[in-house]
Protein backbone atom coordinates (compact mmCIF):
# COMPACT_ATOMS: atom_id res chain seq x y z
CA UNK A 1 -113.51 68.90 -28.66
CA UNK A 2 -110.47 68.34 -30.83
CA UNK A 3 -108.51 65.18 -29.98
CA UNK A 4 -104.74 65.16 -30.47
CA UNK A 5 -102.93 61.80 -30.70
CA UNK A 6 -99.61 61.90 -28.86
CA UNK A 7 -97.06 59.67 -27.17
CA UNK A 8 -94.33 60.02 -24.61
CA UNK A 9 -90.75 60.46 -25.86
CA UNK A 10 -88.72 58.21 -23.60
CA UNK A 11 -85.57 60.25 -23.94
CA UNK A 12 -86.99 63.64 -22.98
CA UNK A 13 -90.23 62.74 -21.25
CA UNK A 14 -92.05 65.13 -23.52
CA UNK A 15 -95.17 64.38 -25.43
CA UNK A 16 -94.74 64.53 -29.18
CA UNK A 17 -97.31 64.51 -31.87
CA UNK A 18 -98.03 61.00 -33.18
CA UNK A 19 -98.70 62.47 -36.59
CA UNK A 20 -95.27 64.11 -36.56
CA UNK A 21 -93.60 60.85 -35.49
CA UNK A 22 -95.36 58.86 -38.24
CA UNK A 23 -94.41 61.38 -40.90
CA UNK A 24 -90.79 61.33 -39.82
CA UNK A 25 -90.73 57.53 -39.86
CA UNK A 26 -92.36 57.45 -43.30
CA UNK A 27 -89.72 59.76 -44.73
CA UNK A 28 -86.96 57.57 -43.34
CA UNK A 29 -88.56 54.43 -44.71
CA UNK A 30 -89.07 55.98 -48.12
CA UNK A 31 -85.36 56.62 -48.46
CA UNK A 32 -84.68 52.85 -48.61
CA UNK A 33 -85.49 51.54 -52.11
CA UNK A 34 -87.18 48.14 -52.26
CA UNK A 35 -85.22 45.47 -54.09
CA UNK A 36 -86.75 44.50 -57.44
CA UNK A 37 -88.50 41.14 -57.31
CA UNK A 38 -89.23 38.80 -60.21
CA UNK A 39 -92.81 38.40 -61.36
CA UNK A 40 -94.74 35.53 -59.73
CA UNK A 41 -94.07 32.31 -61.62
CA UNK A 42 -97.27 30.44 -60.75
CA UNK A 43 -99.37 28.89 -63.48
CA UNK A 44 -102.17 31.40 -63.18
CA UNK A 45 -99.72 34.33 -63.03
CA UNK A 46 -97.97 33.17 -66.20
CA UNK A 47 -101.30 32.79 -67.98
CA UNK A 48 -102.40 36.30 -67.01
CA UNK A 49 -99.07 37.76 -68.09
CA UNK A 50 -99.23 36.01 -71.47
CA UNK A 51 -102.78 37.20 -72.06
CA UNK A 52 -102.01 40.75 -71.01
CA UNK A 53 -98.87 40.94 -73.18
CA UNK A 54 -100.63 39.53 -76.25
CA UNK A 55 -103.44 42.06 -75.91
CA UNK A 56 -100.96 44.91 -75.57
CA UNK A 57 -99.07 43.76 -78.66
CA UNK A 58 -102.34 43.82 -80.61
CA UNK A 59 -103.15 47.29 -79.35
CA UNK A 60 -106.22 45.95 -77.55
CA UNK A 61 -107.48 47.84 -74.52
CA UNK A 62 -109.02 45.49 -71.98
CA UNK A 63 -109.42 46.54 -68.32
CA UNK A 64 -107.19 44.56 -65.98
CA UNK A 65 -110.15 43.12 -64.04
CA UNK A 66 -111.39 41.64 -67.32
CA UNK A 67 -107.92 40.26 -68.10
CA UNK A 68 -107.90 38.63 -64.68
CA UNK A 69 -111.40 37.21 -65.12
CA UNK A 70 -110.59 35.66 -68.52
CA UNK A 71 -107.24 34.31 -67.32
CA UNK A 72 -108.92 32.62 -64.38
CA UNK A 73 -111.51 31.03 -66.69
CA UNK A 74 -108.69 29.61 -68.84
CA UNK A 75 -106.99 28.09 -65.80
CA UNK A 76 -110.23 26.73 -64.35
CA UNK A 77 -111.04 24.96 -67.60
CA UNK A 78 -107.58 23.52 -68.14
CA UNK A 79 -106.97 22.35 -64.59
CA UNK A 80 -110.11 20.23 -64.46
CA UNK A 81 -109.63 16.95 -62.63
CA UNK A 82 -109.86 14.94 -65.85
CA UNK A 83 -106.97 16.76 -67.52
CA UNK A 84 -103.53 15.12 -67.47
CA UNK A 85 -102.02 16.32 -70.76
CA UNK A 86 -104.11 19.26 -72.02
CA UNK A 87 -103.15 21.44 -69.05
CA UNK A 88 -101.76 24.98 -68.66
CA UNK A 89 -98.24 23.55 -68.95
CA UNK A 90 -99.13 22.45 -72.49
CA UNK A 91 -100.08 26.08 -73.22
CA UNK A 92 -96.66 27.33 -72.14
CA UNK A 93 -94.97 24.85 -74.48
CA UNK A 94 -96.80 26.38 -77.46
CA UNK A 95 -96.19 30.06 -76.83
CA UNK A 96 -94.07 31.81 -79.44
CA UNK A 97 -92.54 34.98 -77.99
CA UNK A 98 -93.52 38.11 -79.89
CA UNK A 99 -96.46 36.57 -81.77
CA UNK A 100 -99.73 37.62 -80.09
CA UNK A 101 -101.85 35.60 -82.55
CA UNK A 102 -100.33 32.26 -81.61
CA UNK A 103 -100.18 33.28 -77.93
CA UNK A 104 -103.95 33.79 -77.88
CA UNK A 105 -104.38 30.51 -79.76
CA UNK A 106 -102.18 28.73 -77.21
CA UNK A 107 -104.23 30.09 -74.31
CA UNK A 108 -107.61 29.21 -75.80
CA UNK A 109 -107.12 26.25 -78.18
CA UNK A 110 -107.74 23.46 -75.62
CA UNK A 111 -110.23 25.38 -73.52
CA UNK A 112 -113.04 22.99 -74.43
CA UNK A 113 -112.66 19.21 -74.12
CA UNK A 114 -116.34 18.38 -73.91
CA UNK A 115 -116.29 14.61 -73.35
CA UNK A 116 -113.14 14.57 -71.23
CA UNK A 117 -114.46 17.36 -68.97
CA UNK A 118 -118.00 15.89 -69.02
CA UNK A 119 -119.50 19.13 -70.28
CA UNK A 120 -118.71 22.81 -69.80
CA UNK A 121 -117.73 24.77 -66.73
CA UNK A 122 -120.35 27.53 -66.12
CA UNK A 123 -118.23 30.36 -67.54
CA UNK A 124 -117.73 28.51 -70.82
CA UNK A 125 -121.34 27.40 -70.99
CA UNK A 126 -122.32 31.05 -70.72
CA UNK A 127 -120.23 31.86 -73.80
CA UNK A 128 -121.51 29.04 -76.02
CA UNK A 129 -125.08 28.37 -74.90
CA UNK A 130 -126.59 30.92 -77.27
CA UNK A 131 -124.86 29.25 -80.24
CA UNK A 132 -125.22 25.51 -79.60
CA UNK A 133 -127.84 23.10 -78.37
CA UNK A 134 -127.41 19.73 -76.74
CA UNK A 135 -129.47 16.89 -78.19
CA UNK A 136 -129.53 13.22 -77.35
CA UNK A 137 -126.93 12.32 -79.95
CA UNK A 138 -124.55 15.25 -79.45
CA UNK A 139 -124.00 18.99 -79.88
CA UNK A 140 -125.40 21.07 -82.73
CA UNK A 141 -124.93 24.64 -83.91
CA UNK A 142 -128.27 26.32 -83.36
CA UNK A 143 -130.04 26.84 -86.69
CA UNK A 144 -131.83 30.02 -85.60
CA UNK A 145 -129.04 32.18 -84.16
CA UNK A 146 -129.06 35.94 -84.68
CA UNK A 147 -127.93 37.04 -88.13
CA UNK A 148 -125.82 39.80 -86.57
CA UNK A 149 -123.82 37.48 -84.32
CA UNK A 150 -120.39 38.41 -85.69
CA UNK A 151 -118.40 36.20 -83.31
CA UNK A 152 -120.31 33.09 -84.33
CA UNK A 153 -120.19 34.05 -88.02
CA UNK A 154 -116.43 34.50 -87.81
CA UNK A 155 -115.95 31.16 -86.04
CA UNK A 156 -118.16 29.29 -88.51
CA UNK A 157 -116.36 30.86 -91.47
CA UNK A 158 -112.90 29.86 -90.25
CA UNK A 159 -113.94 26.25 -89.58
CA UNK A 160 -116.21 25.88 -92.59
CA UNK A 161 -119.15 24.90 -90.37
CA UNK A 162 -122.83 25.75 -90.94
CA UNK A 163 -125.79 26.69 -88.78
CA UNK A 164 -127.72 23.56 -87.76
CA UNK A 165 -124.64 21.33 -88.22
CA UNK A 166 -123.85 18.53 -85.79
CA UNK A 167 -120.45 18.98 -84.14
CA UNK A 168 -118.40 15.78 -84.29
CA UNK A 169 -115.90 15.18 -81.42
CA UNK A 170 -113.03 14.15 -83.70
CA UNK A 171 -113.74 16.58 -86.52
CA UNK A 172 -113.16 19.94 -84.89
CA UNK A 173 -115.91 20.20 -82.26
CA UNK A 174 -113.63 21.09 -79.34
CA UNK A 175 -111.43 23.36 -81.44
CA UNK A 176 -114.44 25.22 -82.87
CA UNK A 177 -115.99 25.76 -79.44
CA UNK A 178 -112.65 26.87 -77.99
CA UNK A 179 -112.26 29.45 -80.77
CA UNK A 180 -115.86 30.61 -80.26
CA UNK A 181 -115.20 31.20 -76.55
CA UNK A 182 -112.08 33.21 -77.43
CA UNK A 183 -113.94 35.31 -79.97
CA UNK A 184 -116.76 36.05 -77.52
CA UNK A 185 -114.54 36.83 -74.55
CA UNK A 186 -112.24 39.14 -76.52
CA UNK A 187 -114.73 40.70 -78.95
CA UNK A 188 -114.94 43.98 -77.04
CA UNK A 189 -111.20 44.58 -77.18
CA UNK A 190 -109.60 42.74 -80.12
CA UNK A 191 -110.28 43.61 -83.76
CA UNK A 192 -112.01 40.98 -85.88
CA UNK A 193 -109.13 40.94 -88.35
CA UNK A 194 -106.88 39.86 -85.47
CA UNK A 195 -109.33 37.38 -83.97
CA UNK A 196 -109.73 35.59 -87.29
CA UNK A 197 -105.99 34.94 -87.52
CA UNK A 198 -105.87 33.50 -83.99
CA UNK A 199 -108.96 31.44 -84.80
CA UNK A 200 -107.14 30.09 -87.87
CA UNK A 201 -104.32 28.88 -85.61
CA UNK A 202 -106.84 27.01 -83.47
CA UNK A 203 -108.52 25.50 -86.56
CA UNK A 204 -105.22 24.05 -87.77
CA UNK A 205 -104.90 22.06 -84.53
CA UNK A 206 -107.70 19.75 -85.69
CA UNK A 207 -105.43 16.71 -86.00
CA UNK A 208 -104.74 13.92 -88.48
CA UNK A 209 -106.43 15.19 -91.65
CA UNK A 210 -105.65 14.00 -95.15
CA UNK A 211 -105.89 16.22 -98.23
CA UNK A 212 -109.34 16.33 -99.79
CA UNK A 213 -110.36 14.34 -102.88
CA UNK A 214 -109.16 17.29 -104.94
CA UNK A 215 -105.69 17.08 -103.39
CA UNK A 216 -106.11 20.36 -101.51
CA UNK A 217 -104.50 20.20 -98.07
CA UNK A 218 -106.20 21.35 -94.85
CA UNK A 219 -103.93 24.41 -94.77
CA UNK A 220 -104.86 25.33 -98.34
CA UNK A 221 -108.55 24.89 -97.54
CA UNK A 222 -108.05 27.19 -94.54
CA UNK A 223 -106.54 29.85 -96.79
CA UNK A 224 -109.58 29.69 -99.10
CA UNK A 225 -111.98 30.03 -96.16
CA UNK A 226 -110.06 33.00 -94.77
CA UNK A 227 -110.21 34.72 -98.13
CA UNK A 228 -113.98 34.16 -98.32
CA UNK A 229 -114.52 35.38 -94.75
CA UNK A 230 -112.35 38.42 -95.39
CA UNK A 231 -114.58 39.40 -98.32
CA UNK A 232 -117.89 38.56 -96.66
CA UNK A 233 -117.10 40.34 -93.38
CA UNK A 234 -115.14 43.22 -94.97
CA UNK A 235 -112.10 42.69 -92.73
CA UNK A 236 -109.58 44.37 -95.02
CA UNK A 237 -106.87 41.70 -94.82
CA UNK A 238 -104.44 41.56 -97.72
CA UNK A 239 -103.73 38.31 -99.54
CA UNK A 240 -100.22 38.24 -98.13
CA UNK A 241 -101.50 38.84 -94.59
CA UNK A 242 -103.83 35.87 -94.96
CA UNK A 243 -101.01 33.70 -96.22
CA UNK A 244 -98.84 34.80 -93.31
CA UNK A 245 -101.69 33.87 -90.98
CA UNK A 246 -101.83 30.37 -92.48
CA UNK A 247 -98.06 30.02 -92.03
CA UNK A 248 -98.43 30.94 -88.36
CA UNK A 249 -101.30 28.47 -88.06
CA UNK A 250 -99.28 25.62 -89.59
CA UNK A 251 -96.28 26.30 -87.35
CA UNK A 252 -98.57 26.45 -84.33
CA UNK A 253 -100.32 23.19 -85.24
CA UNK A 254 -96.98 21.43 -85.71
CA UNK A 255 -95.88 22.59 -82.25
CA UNK A 256 -99.14 21.22 -80.87
CA UNK A 257 -98.21 17.70 -82.09
CA UNK A 258 -94.46 18.16 -81.62
CA UNK A 259 -94.49 15.15 -79.31
CA UNK A 260 -94.83 12.89 -82.36
CA UNK A 261 -91.57 14.30 -83.65
CA UNK A 262 -89.59 13.67 -80.47
CA UNK A 263 -86.02 12.58 -81.03
CA UNK A 264 -86.33 10.00 -78.23
CA UNK A 265 -89.14 7.43 -78.37
CA UNK A 266 -89.22 7.33 -74.56
CA UNK A 267 -90.34 10.96 -74.45
CA UNK A 268 -93.00 10.33 -77.07
CA UNK A 269 -94.40 7.48 -74.98
CA UNK A 270 -94.36 9.71 -71.89
CA UNK A 271 -96.95 12.01 -73.39
CA UNK A 272 -98.90 9.08 -74.83
CA UNK A 273 -99.23 7.73 -71.29
CA UNK A 274 -100.38 11.16 -70.03
CA UNK A 275 -103.29 11.01 -72.47
CA UNK A 276 -104.61 7.67 -71.17
CA UNK A 277 -106.23 8.95 -67.93
CA UNK A 278 -107.97 11.77 -69.84
CA UNK A 279 -110.03 9.30 -71.85
CA UNK A 280 -110.15 6.56 -69.18
CA UNK A 281 -111.46 7.95 -65.88
CA UNK A 282 -110.89 4.67 -64.03
CA UNK A 283 -107.11 5.12 -64.30
CA UNK A 284 -107.20 8.34 -62.27
CA UNK A 285 -107.55 6.45 -58.97
CA UNK A 286 -104.19 4.90 -58.28
CA UNK A 287 -104.24 1.41 -56.83
CA UNK A 288 -107.95 0.84 -57.44
CA UNK A 289 -108.38 0.53 -61.19
CA UNK A 290 -108.94 -3.02 -62.38
CA UNK A 291 -106.96 -5.19 -64.75
CA UNK A 292 -109.80 -5.03 -67.26
CA UNK A 293 -110.06 -1.22 -67.15
CA UNK A 294 -106.29 -0.97 -67.65
CA UNK A 295 -106.53 -3.37 -70.60
CA UNK A 296 -109.41 -1.41 -72.13
CA UNK A 297 -107.37 1.81 -71.87
CA UNK A 298 -104.38 0.21 -73.61
CA UNK A 299 -106.68 -1.32 -76.21
CA UNK A 300 -108.12 2.09 -77.05
CA UNK A 301 -104.71 3.71 -77.45
CA UNK A 302 -103.41 0.77 -79.49
CA UNK A 303 -106.46 0.98 -81.75
CA UNK A 304 -105.87 4.70 -82.29
CA UNK A 305 -102.20 4.21 -83.19
CA UNK A 306 -103.00 1.28 -85.49
CA UNK A 307 -105.33 3.46 -87.57
CA UNK A 308 -103.16 6.57 -87.47
CA UNK A 309 -101.52 7.43 -90.78
CA UNK A 310 -98.18 9.07 -89.87
CA UNK A 311 -98.47 11.23 -93.00
CA UNK A 312 -101.33 13.14 -91.37
CA UNK A 313 -99.47 14.19 -88.23
CA UNK A 314 -97.61 17.26 -89.45
CA UNK A 315 -98.82 20.01 -91.78
CA UNK A 316 -97.05 21.97 -94.48
CA UNK A 317 -98.04 25.11 -96.37
CA UNK A 318 -95.90 26.63 -99.12
CA UNK A 319 -92.46 27.03 -97.51
CA UNK A 320 -93.55 26.32 -93.92
CA UNK A 321 -91.88 24.27 -92.60
CA UNK A 322 -88.93 23.86 -94.95
CA UNK A 323 -88.82 20.70 -97.04
CA UNK A 324 -85.89 19.40 -95.01
CA UNK A 325 -87.56 20.06 -91.65
CA UNK A 326 -90.82 18.52 -92.85
CA UNK A 327 -89.06 15.31 -93.96
CA UNK A 328 -87.33 15.11 -90.58
CA UNK A 329 -90.63 15.49 -88.73
CA UNK A 330 -92.36 12.90 -90.92
CA UNK A 331 -89.53 10.41 -90.45
CA UNK A 332 -89.52 10.75 -86.67
CA UNK A 333 -93.30 10.62 -86.54
CA UNK A 334 -93.40 7.36 -88.46
CA UNK A 335 -90.66 5.82 -86.30
CA UNK A 336 -92.31 6.87 -83.04
CA UNK A 337 -95.74 5.61 -84.07
CA UNK A 338 -94.32 2.27 -85.31
CA UNK A 339 -92.34 1.71 -82.11
CA UNK A 340 -95.28 2.75 -79.92
CA UNK A 341 -97.53 0.25 -81.73
CA UNK A 342 -95.12 -2.59 -80.94
CA UNK A 343 -94.71 -1.41 -77.33
CA UNK A 344 -98.44 -1.17 -76.78
CA UNK A 345 -98.97 -4.59 -78.33
CA UNK A 346 -96.70 -6.26 -75.77
CA UNK A 347 -98.19 -4.23 -72.92
CA UNK A 348 -101.68 -5.20 -74.09
CA UNK A 349 -100.73 -8.89 -74.31
CA UNK A 350 -99.37 -8.65 -70.75
CA UNK A 351 -102.65 -7.15 -69.54
CA UNK A 352 -104.55 -9.90 -71.36
CA UNK A 353 -102.54 -12.61 -69.60
CA UNK A 354 -103.08 -11.01 -66.18
CA UNK A 355 -106.77 -10.57 -66.88
CA UNK A 356 -107.14 -14.21 -67.95
CA UNK A 357 -105.34 -15.42 -64.80
CA UNK A 358 -107.64 -13.22 -62.73
CA UNK A 359 -110.72 -14.63 -64.48
CA UNK A 360 -109.79 -18.29 -63.88
CA UNK A 361 -108.94 -17.60 -60.23
CA UNK A 362 -111.88 -15.52 -59.06
CA UNK A 363 -112.66 -12.69 -61.48
CA UNK A 364 -111.40 -9.22 -62.32
CA UNK A 365 -109.39 -7.44 -59.62
CA UNK A 366 -107.29 -4.31 -59.07
CA UNK A 367 -104.02 -4.32 -60.99
CA UNK A 368 -102.18 -3.56 -57.75
CA UNK A 369 -103.45 -6.80 -56.20
CA UNK A 370 -101.59 -8.83 -58.82
CA UNK A 371 -98.70 -6.48 -59.68
CA UNK A 372 -98.09 -4.72 -56.35
CA UNK A 373 -98.21 -1.02 -55.52
CA UNK A 374 -96.40 1.35 -57.90
CA UNK A 375 -94.28 2.86 -55.14
CA UNK A 376 -93.50 -0.42 -53.38
CA UNK A 377 -89.83 -0.74 -52.42
CA UNK A 378 -89.60 -3.74 -50.08
CA UNK A 379 -88.35 -6.97 -51.59
CA UNK A 380 -91.22 -9.33 -52.36
CA UNK A 381 -93.80 -6.57 -52.77
CA UNK A 382 -93.94 -6.69 -56.58
CA UNK A 383 -94.84 -9.43 -59.02
CA UNK A 384 -91.50 -9.33 -60.84
CA UNK A 385 -89.72 -10.18 -57.58
CA UNK A 386 -91.07 -13.72 -58.06
CA UNK A 387 -90.24 -14.15 -61.75
CA UNK A 388 -87.25 -16.36 -62.56
CA UNK A 389 -84.33 -15.03 -64.58
CA UNK A 390 -84.59 -15.93 -68.24
CA UNK A 391 -82.39 -15.65 -71.31
CA UNK A 392 -84.04 -15.88 -74.74
CA UNK A 393 -83.06 -18.48 -77.29
CA UNK A 394 -80.51 -17.38 -79.88
CA UNK A 395 -82.90 -17.82 -82.81
CA UNK A 396 -85.61 -15.56 -81.34
CA UNK A 397 -86.29 -12.30 -83.22
CA UNK A 398 -86.17 -9.30 -80.91
CA UNK A 399 -86.41 -5.58 -81.68
CA UNK A 400 -83.54 -3.84 -79.79
CA UNK A 401 -85.49 -0.57 -79.43
CA UNK A 402 -88.53 -2.36 -78.03
CA UNK A 403 -86.37 -4.47 -75.73
CA UNK A 404 -84.78 -1.29 -74.37
CA UNK A 405 -88.19 0.34 -73.79
CA UNK A 406 -89.49 -2.64 -71.86
CA UNK A 407 -86.31 -3.03 -69.83
CA UNK A 408 -85.56 0.61 -69.04
CA UNK A 409 -88.94 2.23 -69.42
CA UNK A 410 -90.38 5.50 -70.63
CA UNK A 411 -88.63 8.78 -69.91
CA UNK A 412 -90.50 9.38 -66.63
CA UNK A 413 -92.84 7.67 -64.20
CA UNK A 414 -96.62 7.61 -64.58
CA UNK A 415 -99.14 8.01 -61.75
CA UNK A 416 -100.96 4.84 -62.86
CA UNK A 417 -98.33 2.55 -64.41
CA UNK A 418 -94.77 1.36 -63.89
CA UNK A 419 -92.08 3.28 -65.76
CA UNK A 420 -90.44 0.08 -66.96
CA UNK A 421 -92.19 -3.21 -67.77
CA UNK A 422 -90.48 -6.23 -66.19
CA UNK A 423 -93.41 -8.60 -66.74
CA UNK A 424 -93.84 -7.49 -70.35
CA UNK A 425 -90.10 -7.95 -70.88
CA UNK A 426 -90.31 -11.48 -69.42
CA UNK A 427 -93.10 -12.31 -71.88
CA UNK A 428 -91.32 -10.66 -74.82
CA UNK A 429 -88.11 -12.62 -74.15
CA UNK A 430 -90.11 -15.86 -74.32
CA UNK A 431 -92.25 -15.06 -77.36
CA UNK A 432 -90.26 -12.62 -79.48
CA UNK A 433 -91.91 -10.19 -81.89
CA UNK A 434 -93.69 -12.81 -84.00
CA UNK A 435 -94.95 -14.84 -81.06
CA UNK A 436 -96.26 -11.75 -79.27
CA UNK A 437 -98.28 -10.75 -82.33
CA UNK A 438 -99.71 -14.26 -82.73
CA UNK A 439 -100.83 -14.55 -79.11
CA UNK A 440 -102.23 -11.01 -79.07
CA UNK A 441 -104.48 -12.00 -81.96
CA UNK A 442 -105.73 -14.86 -79.78
CA UNK A 443 -106.21 -12.47 -76.85
CA UNK A 444 -108.46 -10.25 -78.95
CA UNK A 445 -110.89 -13.16 -79.23
CA UNK A 446 -110.98 -13.28 -75.44
CA UNK A 447 -111.73 -9.56 -75.37
CA UNK A 448 -114.72 -9.96 -77.68
CA UNK A 449 -115.99 -13.03 -75.84
CA UNK A 450 -115.41 -15.62 -78.57
CA UNK A 451 -112.68 -17.51 -76.72
CA UNK A 452 -112.44 -18.65 -73.10
CA UNK A 453 -109.65 -17.15 -70.93
CA UNK A 454 -108.32 -20.62 -70.02
CA UNK A 455 -108.10 -21.67 -73.67
CA UNK A 456 -106.05 -18.56 -74.36
CA UNK A 457 -103.71 -19.30 -71.43
CA UNK A 458 -103.37 -22.95 -72.40
CA UNK A 459 -102.01 -21.97 -75.82
CA UNK A 460 -99.12 -19.97 -74.29
CA UNK A 461 -95.71 -21.63 -73.65
CA UNK A 462 -96.05 -23.81 -70.56
CA UNK A 463 -92.93 -22.72 -68.68
CA UNK A 464 -93.64 -19.04 -69.25
CA UNK A 465 -97.27 -19.03 -68.13
CA UNK A 466 -96.55 -21.38 -65.22
CA UNK A 467 -93.88 -18.99 -63.91
CA UNK A 468 -96.27 -16.03 -64.20
CA UNK A 469 -99.13 -17.91 -62.52
CA UNK A 470 -96.84 -18.97 -59.66
CA UNK A 471 -95.63 -15.38 -59.21
CA UNK A 472 -99.26 -14.25 -59.07
CA UNK A 473 -99.96 -16.94 -56.44
CA UNK A 474 -97.27 -15.36 -54.23
CA UNK A 475 -98.80 -11.90 -54.67
CA UNK A 476 -102.49 -12.80 -54.27
CA UNK A 477 -102.69 -15.10 -51.25
CA UNK A 478 -106.50 -15.05 -51.42
CA UNK A 479 -106.26 -16.88 -54.75
CA UNK A 480 -103.06 -18.80 -54.12
CA UNK A 481 -104.60 -22.28 -54.36
CA UNK A 482 -106.29 -21.68 -57.72
CA UNK A 483 -103.25 -19.96 -59.24
CA UNK A 484 -100.78 -22.60 -57.98
CA UNK A 485 -103.01 -25.40 -59.23
CA UNK A 486 -102.93 -23.86 -62.70
CA UNK A 487 -99.17 -23.23 -62.50
CA UNK A 488 -98.47 -26.86 -61.60
CA UNK A 489 -100.65 -28.05 -64.48
CA UNK A 490 -98.54 -26.06 -66.94
CA UNK A 491 -95.00 -26.75 -65.78
CA UNK A 492 -93.28 -28.91 -68.43
CA UNK A 493 -92.86 -32.48 -67.21
CA UNK A 494 -89.46 -34.16 -67.57
């Protein structure tokens, strides 16, 4: 029996067809146009849009479900818990509108951070497992991979790597694996002659490389490898197209390290501080990390900056960037690195003093126990609330830029450290630049176990260390007796 859906019309009392009513309503609704809405601005939405647009600009046909799947993999890898700098936001900073080669490089270039991420997420492991093997001392390119593996051959050619080679963490391992993932994930849609140019952009982000013994720069070596790969793989790229690809790669690499060329040192230090939790897992738990772990993190960053040659930060190839722009970048890079070294030295000396006071009063402890919580607002809840006011002697040598950094802080707050450095400033005003360097040298002997913490403290100016020890006694009531006893022993006697 046929069933007819109907309802009662309240005005007439007649039954009317439900189908008729729905159709009438639909026609009325359709007459009202929906207001245009902007595209979703979420991180994952932006990543998908960038990937989709780059593929369209290259004439690549990839089904939207595959675009979604790859975009999600990119976000999953770059939002790992360990990441604090190499995140999707860093990708967006590198995108150059209208250049699909650098857009793909931006999306994929930091996909792999093997030691920071403690391995691979499953989707990345799936892409690289057939090409690499994990041994006790690191990662190696498999020596017996298929000869017809074009994606691996292309990646090896761009980076100048060989089958069976060990991949070194600071010599292109992460960049090579990131490019390999890109080439595998996009192989079905993007032409090899396009993939090799995006891979070249990723290769140029291997940082801090000097010219070879023959004087050939990394960019010039890249050009030679692209030419060889073009011939060997019959890609059909012209010489000028290869040179244009190297120009794009150099510009992209310089944007990747643009932080070193910041006009303001405070902004440079901001990003330096974002890198610390990536390589120091203990700093990711606010309020719990110890004084020693904080010191070790600063020590590692200081050691890196001390060995960094500012001439290796930015790249140049032919006319890219211009001679004037390149000189400007080099000058700012050198200034930022020099200032950061001095800043880190004072911060490291401060951590050494706190660590030594902790050791003579009961052992290592959370930084927050001695310094107070980062977000503390109440008077008396931070160590610097108990430090006396102090004006330096007129003959003390102080660096105005460093003084400003310690007093006013980096450009923004950090989730694990104060924005400004009142205790470090107190120490710097007592010791000056020369004194800080001298006592930091002594602190290094404490770090390596060749000098006792108390001997190190005893060599510091009495009034300064007594004031710090007394302030610590106010903060750490469980160690108040030991800290006050030491403070009293160091106060200058009339």
